[in-house]
Amino acid sequence: MVTHDFIDVLYLATKVAVINQGKIEQVGEVTDIFQKPSSSFVAGFVGARNIFRGRLVNEKEHRLVDTGKIKVEVPKNLVQNSEKVYFTIRPEDIIISLKPLSSSARNNYSGEVVKVINRGQVFYITVDIGEKITALITKASFEDMNLKKGDKVFLTFKATAVHLFV
């Protein structure tokens, strides 16, 4: 089967190949391709939000990706020594709060809500933390926090939530 719609793939396939201009970009199980895209093209094709480009840097005992606007901590073993990388963070892996959280998560930022998209039972909240990043929250959480454009919020996510590719 051939399709240009990843939603079709989710419902009809178990193993897929993503082709870009006649060249195979990635082959694998549907869930692997969805959760761990191997390129920015594949990430865009599967509808990933929060796709960024940066360079790997080491600071003290930490491995970071520096976009030029923010630094994001990643696990040390994710990518070999490739200086320029892309990375994604799934919106559902990002915690949004009105106050800073005390947790083991390595990535903590404050920012301003710049966009709110209502999808019924869930909301996509885009926050400017130096880069624009989108988090996914439930309708109940959205109503509890009474979020609106211009609000100051805090974003938290684990280093293991960051998916890197070259």
Protein backbone atom coordinates (compact mmCIF):
# COMPACT_ATOMS: atom_id res chain seq x y z
CA MET A 1 0.00 0.00 0.00
CA VAL A 2 1.17 3.53 -0.75
CA THR A 3 -0.15 6.57 1.13
CA HIS A 4 0.82 10.14 1.88
CA ASP A 5 -1.27 10.21 5.05
CA PHE A 6 0.35 8.98 8.25
CA ILE A 7 -3.09 8.51 9.84
CA ASP A 8 -3.77 5.78 7.25
CA VAL A 9 -0.50 4.14 8.25
CA LEU A 10 -1.43 4.18 11.94
CA TYR A 11 -4.62 2.23 11.27
CA LEU A 12 -3.58 -0.08 8.44
CA ALA A 13 0.09 -1.02 8.82
CA THR A 14 2.45 -2.62 11.30
CA LYS A 15 5.71 -2.04 9.42
CA VAL A 16 6.37 0.90 7.12
CA ALA A 17 8.96 2.64 4.99
CA VAL A 18 9.00 6.43 4.78
CA ILE A 19 10.21 7.59 1.36
CA ASN A 20 11.38 11.11 0.54
CA GLN A 21 11.96 11.96 -3.14
CA GLY A 22 12.46 8.30 -4.04
CA LYS A 23 14.89 7.60 -1.19
CA ILE A 24 14.04 5.52 1.87
CA GLU A 25 14.38 7.69 4.97
CA GLN A 26 13.35 5.13 7.61
CA VAL A 27 11.96 1.60 7.83
CA GLY A 28 10.44 0.09 10.95
CA GLU A 29 7.46 -0.60 13.14
CA VAL A 30 4.83 2.15 13.03
CA THR A 31 5.27 3.00 16.72
CA ASP A 32 9.07 3.23 16.37
CA ILE A 33 8.80 5.62 13.44
CA PHE A 34 6.19 7.69 15.25
CA GLN A 35 8.13 7.87 18.53
CA LYS A 36 11.70 7.85 17.18
CA PRO A 37 11.93 9.51 13.77
CA SER A 38 15.37 9.26 12.17
CA SER A 39 15.30 12.62 10.35
CA SER A 40 13.57 15.98 10.33
CA PHE A 41 11.62 14.87 7.24
CA VAL A 42 10.26 11.78 9.02
CA ALA A 43 9.50 13.84 12.13
CA GLY A 44 7.51 16.31 10.05
CA PHE A 45 5.74 13.52 8.15
CA VAL A 46 4.51 11.85 11.34
CA GLY A 47 3.22 15.19 12.62
CA ALA A 48 5.86 15.81 15.28
CA ARG A 49 5.69 19.18 16.94
CA ASN A 50 8.68 20.73 18.66
CA ILE A 51 11.35 19.98 16.04
CA PHE A 52 14.53 21.95 16.76
CA ARG A 53 18.06 22.12 15.41
CA GLY A 54 21.09 22.65 17.58
CA ARG A 55 24.62 21.60 18.34
CA LEU A 56 25.82 19.17 20.96
CA VAL A 57 27.88 20.65 23.76
CA ASN A 58 29.32 19.28 26.97
CA GLU A 59 29.11 21.40 30.11
CA LYS A 60 30.64 19.92 33.22
CA GLU A 61 29.11 16.44 33.45
CA HIS A 62 26.10 17.25 31.29
CA ARG A 63 25.39 16.73 27.59
CA LEU A 64 23.29 19.53 26.09
CA VAL A 65 21.87 20.60 22.77
CA ASP A 66 22.26 24.35 22.27
CA THR A 67 19.83 25.88 19.76
CA GLY A 68 21.34 29.33 20.19
CA LYS A 69 18.27 30.34 22.19
CA ILE A 70 17.90 27.53 24.74
CA LYS A 71 19.97 24.64 26.04
CA VAL A 72 18.30 21.26 26.49
CA GLU A 73 19.86 18.46 28.53
CA VAL A 74 19.91 15.05 26.84
CA PRO A 75 21.21 11.64 27.92
CA LYS A 76 24.93 11.29 27.21
CA ASN A 77 24.54 8.08 25.21
CA LEU A 78 21.88 9.20 22.71
CA VAL A 79 24.06 10.41 19.86
CA GLN A 80 27.66 9.93 18.99
CA ASN A 81 29.83 12.97 18.57
CA SER A 82 27.90 14.66 15.78
CA GLU A 83 28.04 18.36 16.38
CA LYS A 84 24.83 19.42 14.60
CA VAL A 85 21.66 17.54 15.47
CA TYR A 86 17.89 17.80 15.33
CA PHE A 87 15.71 16.94 18.27
CA THR A 88 12.05 16.57 19.13
CA ILE A 89 10.11 16.57 22.36
CA ARG A 90 6.63 15.08 22.26
CA PRO A 91 4.03 17.55 23.63
CA GLU A 92 2.63 14.88 25.96
CA ASP A 93 6.08 14.52 27.60
CA ILE A 94 6.11 18.16 28.71
CA ILE A 95 4.63 19.19 32.05
CA ILE A 96 3.16 22.67 32.20
CA SER A 97 2.61 24.37 35.56
CA LEU A 98 1.95 27.76 37.11
CA LYS A 99 4.87 27.41 39.55
CA PRO A 100 8.32 25.83 39.22
CA LEU A 101 8.26 22.11 40.00
CA SER A 102 10.64 20.24 42.25
CA SER A 103 11.44 17.05 40.37
CA SER A 104 14.22 14.94 38.92
CA ALA A 105 13.49 16.30 35.42
CA ARG A 106 16.59 18.02 34.04
CA ASN A 107 14.91 20.54 31.75
CA ASN A 108 13.04 23.40 33.44
CA TYR A 109 12.06 26.65 31.76
CA SER A 110 9.80 29.63 32.32
CA GLY A 111 8.01 31.30 29.47
CA GLU A 112 4.91 32.98 28.16
CA VAL A 113 1.86 31.34 26.62
CA VAL A 114 1.70 32.51 23.00
CA LYS A 115 -0.96 30.19 21.57
CA VAL A 116 -3.80 27.98 22.81
CA ILE A 117 -5.42 25.36 20.55
CA ASN A 118 -8.57 23.65 21.80
CA ARG A 119 -8.92 20.06 20.52
CA GLY A 120 -11.90 19.11 22.66
CA GLN A 121 -10.65 16.98 25.54
CA VAL A 122 -7.04 18.19 25.13
CA PHE A 123 -5.37 21.54 24.56
CA TYR A 124 -2.09 22.33 22.79
CA ILE A 125 -0.36 25.16 24.63
CA THR A 126 2.54 26.89 22.84
CA VAL A 127 4.97 28.63 25.16
CA ASP A 128 7.87 30.92 24.24
CA ILE A 129 10.87 29.89 26.35
CA GLY A 130 13.37 31.38 23.89
CA GLU A 131 12.10 28.82 21.38
CA LYS A 132 8.41 28.19 20.86
CA ILE A 133 7.53 24.79 22.32
CA THR A 134 4.15 23.08 22.49
CA ALA A 135 2.82 21.07 25.44
CA LEU A 136 -0.32 18.93 25.55
CA ILE A 137 -2.65 19.10 28.54
CA THR A 138 -6.10 17.78 29.34
CA LYS A 139 -9.19 19.95 29.31
CA ALA A 140 -9.45 19.54 33.10
CA SER A 141 -5.87 20.78 33.60
CA PHE A 142 -6.47 23.68 31.23
CA GLU A 143 -9.57 24.70 33.18
CA ASP A 144 -7.84 24.25 36.56
CA MET A 145 -4.95 26.50 35.50
CA ASN A 146 -7.25 28.97 33.69
CA LEU A 147 -4.57 29.45 31.03
CA LYS A 148 -4.67 32.21 28.46
CA LYS A 149 -2.35 33.92 26.02
CA GLY A 150 0.20 36.07 27.84
CA ASP A 151 0.29 33.98 31.04
CA LYS A 152 3.65 33.11 32.59
CA VAL A 153 4.08 29.34 32.97
CA PHE A 154 6.77 26.76 33.65
CA LEU A 155 7.69 23.81 31.45
CA THR A 156 9.42 20.68 32.69
CA PHE A 157 10.57 17.55 30.87
CA LYS A 158 13.07 14.77 31.40
CA ALA A 159 16.29 14.48 29.42
CA THR A 160 15.06 11.05 28.30
CA ALA A 161 12.02 12.71 26.67
CA VAL A 162 14.31 14.35 24.11
CA HIS A 163 14.73 12.39 20.88
CA LEU A 164 17.87 13.24 18.87
CA PHE A 165 18.71 12.54 15.25
CA VAL A 166 21.26 13.85 12.75
